[in-house]
C-alpha atoms as a PDB file:
ATOM      1  CA  MET A   1      -9.904  48.341-117.422  1.00  0.00           C
ATOM      2  CA  SER A   2     -10.353  44.871-115.858  1.00  0.00           C
ATOM      3  CA  ARG A   3      -6.703  45.527-114.579  1.00  0.00           C
ATOM      4  CA  MET A   4      -8.073  48.991-112.836  1.00  0.00           C
ATOM      5  CA  ILE A   5     -11.007  47.026-111.340  1.00  0.00           C
ATOM      6  CA  VAL A   6      -8.591  44.210-109.819  1.00  0.00           C
ATOM      7  CA  THR A   7      -6.151  46.740-108.154  1.00  0.00           C
ATOM      8  CA  ALA A   8      -9.128  48.476-106.772  1.00  0.00           C
ATOM      9  CA  CYS A   9     -10.600  45.274-105.104  1.00  0.00           C
ATOM     10  CA  ILE A  10      -7.128  44.209-103.667  1.00  0.00           C
ATOM     11  CA  ALA A  11      -6.561  47.876-102.372  1.00  0.00           C
ATOM     12  CA  VAL A  12     -10.266  47.981-100.791  1.00  0.00           C
ATOM     13  CA  ALA A  13      -9.200  44.374 -99.110  1.00  0.00           C
ATOM     14  CA  LEU A  14      -5.707  45.340 -97.930  1.00  0.00           C
ATOM     15  CA  CYS A  15      -7.723  48.361 -96.103  1.00  0.00           C
ATOM     16  CA  LEU A  16     -10.186  46.124 -94.792  1.00  0.00           C
ATOM     17  CA  LEU A  17      -7.697  44.034 -93.370  1.00  0.00           C
ATOM     18  CA  CYS A  18      -5.926  46.989 -91.925  1.00  0.00           C
ATOM     19  CA  ALA A  19      -9.040  48.752 -90.429  1.00  0.00           C
ATOM     20  CA  THR A  20     -10.277  45.121 -88.702  1.00  0.00           C
ATOM     21  CA  GLY A  21      -6.269  44.080 -87.674  1.00  0.00           C
ATOM     22  CA  CYS A  22      -5.405  41.166 -86.772  1.00  0.00           C
ATOM     23  CA  GLY A  23      -5.118  41.024 -83.312  1.00  0.00           C
ATOM     24  CA  LYS A  24      -6.323  38.351 -80.562  1.00  0.00           C
ATOM     25  CA  LYS A  25      -9.551  39.501 -79.415  1.00  0.00           C
ATOM     26  CA  SER A  26     -10.030  39.727 -75.758  1.00  0.00           C
ATOM     27  CA  PRO A  27     -12.739  37.149 -74.123  1.00  0.00           C
ATOM     28  CA  PRO A  28     -15.827  38.769 -72.797  1.00  0.00           C
ATOM     29  CA  PRO A  29     -15.929  38.615 -69.099  1.00  0.00           C
ATOM     30  CA  ALA A  30     -17.683  36.049 -67.160  1.00  0.00           C
ATOM     31  CA  LYS A  31     -20.760  36.146 -65.614  1.00  0.00           C
ATOM     32  CA  GLY A  32     -21.609  34.944 -62.410  1.00  0.00           C
ATOM     33  CA  PRO A  33     -21.054  35.575 -58.417  1.00  0.00           C
ATOM     34  CA  ALA A  34     -17.756  35.921 -57.073  1.00  0.00           C
ATOM     35  CA  GLN A  35     -15.596  34.784 -59.813  1.00  0.00           C
ATOM     36  CA  THR A  36     -13.332  37.492 -59.491  1.00  0.00           C
ATOM     37  CA  LYS A  37      -9.730  37.143 -58.190  1.00  0.00           C
ATOM     38  CA  ALA A  38      -8.765  38.968 -54.884  1.00  0.00           C
ATOM     39  CA  PRO A  39      -5.862  41.246 -55.157  1.00  0.00           C
ATOM     40  CA  ALA A  40      -2.521  39.711 -54.794  1.00  0.00           C
ATOM     41  CA  PRO A  41      -0.977  41.032 -51.258  1.00  0.00           C
ATOM     42  CA  ALA A  42       1.817  43.088 -51.543  1.00  0.00           C
ATOM     43  CA  GLN A  43       5.141  41.694 -50.763  1.00  0.00           C
ATOM     44  CA  ALA A  44       7.053  43.392 -48.039  1.00  0.00           C
ATOM     45  CA  GLN A  45      10.024  45.312 -49.625  1.00  0.00           C
ATOM     46  CA  GLU A  46      13.446  45.014 -48.422  1.00  0.00           C
ATOM     47  CA  PRO A  47      14.814  48.477 -47.257  1.00  0.00           C
ATOM     48  CA  THR A  48      17.622  49.558 -49.771  1.00  0.00           C
ATOM     49  CA  LYS A  49      21.380  48.254 -48.288  1.00  0.00           C
ATOM     50  CA  THR A  50      23.335  51.509 -47.710  1.00  0.00           C
ATOM     51  CA  PRO A  51      27.306  50.771 -48.118  1.00  0.00           C
ATOM     52  CA  ALA A  52      27.707  51.092 -44.245  1.00  0.00           C
ATOM     53  CA  ASP A  53      25.097  48.145 -44.257  1.00  0.00           C
ATOM     54  CA  TYR A  54      27.440  46.065 -46.126  1.00  0.00           C
ATOM     55  CA  LYS A  55      30.520  46.843 -44.421  1.00  0.00           C
ATOM     56  CA  ALA A  56      28.519  46.196 -41.282  1.00  0.00           C
ATOM     57  CA  GLN A  57      27.276  42.575 -42.488  1.00  0.00           C
ATOM     58  CA  ALA A  58      31.137  42.082 -43.952  1.00  0.00           C
ATOM     59  CA  ASP A  59      32.532  42.812 -40.252  1.00  0.00           C
ATOM     60  CA  LYS A  60      30.235  40.394 -38.674  1.00  0.00           C
ATOM     61  CA  GLU A  61      30.722  37.596 -41.136  1.00  0.00           C
ATOM     62  CA  ILE A  62      34.516  37.897 -42.292  1.00  0.00           C
ATOM     63  CA  ASN A  63      37.267  37.401 -39.409  1.00  0.00           C
ATOM     64  CA  GLN A  64      40.589  36.309 -39.276  1.00  0.00           C
ATOM     65  CA  ASP A  65      40.072  32.704 -39.334  1.00  0.00           C
ATOM     66  CA  ASN A  66      37.785  32.706 -42.354  1.00  0.00           C
ATOM     67  CA  ALA A  67      39.243  35.415 -44.320  1.00  0.00           C
ATOM     68  CA  ASN A  68      40.854  33.395 -46.637  1.00  0.00           C
ATOM     69  CA  GLN A  69      37.897  30.992 -47.412  1.00  0.00           C
ATOM     70  CA  GLU A  70      35.707  33.999 -48.227  1.00  0.00           C
ATOM     71  CA  LEU A  71      38.147  35.387 -50.515  1.00  0.00           C
ATOM     72  CA  ASP A  72      38.477  31.780 -51.868  1.00  0.00           C
ATOM     73  CA  LYS A  73      34.339  31.737 -52.324  1.00  0.00           C
ATOM     74  CA  LEU A  74      34.437  35.456 -53.836  1.00  0.00           C
ATOM     75  CA  GLN A  75      36.816  34.188 -56.571  1.00  0.00           C
ATOM     76  CA  LYS A  76      35.211  31.252 -57.568  1.00  0.00           C
ATOM     77  CA  SER A  77      31.816  33.247 -57.706  1.00  0.00           C
ATOM     78  CA  ILE A  78      33.520  35.684 -60.060  1.00  0.00           C
ATOM     79  CA  ASP A  79      35.326  33.047 -62.355  1.00  0.00           C
ATOM     80  CA  GLN A  80      31.874  31.059 -62.425  1.00  0.00           C
ATOM     81  CA  GLU A  81      30.094  34.297 -63.539  1.00  0.00           C
ATOM     82  CA  SER A  82      32.620  35.526 -66.149  1.00  0.00           C
ATOM     83  CA  ALA A  83      32.518  31.647 -67.640  1.00  0.00           C
ATOM     84  CA  GLN A  84      28.966  32.047 -68.222  1.00  0.00           C
ATOM     85  CA  GLU A  85      29.055  35.304 -69.748  1.00  0.00           C
ATOM     86  CA  GLN A  86      31.610  33.832 -72.584  1.00  0.00           C
END
């Protein structure tokens, strides 16, 4: 009989814990004048670049004089990224 009472008490305690939860309670809102934050200004989004935009940029930045240097930069960048992934 006492075993049934203990089991029932444990079951009730577990039900109460589940019902109340163990989550963090949010603090009550602060009272007072002008304590609210102003909304953050919207950041200007950069327009999405198309392949044509990338080609135009590459045509401006890469020429016969610096083509080998640009290729070396790209190869180093790729090597660094692959080393970081490993």
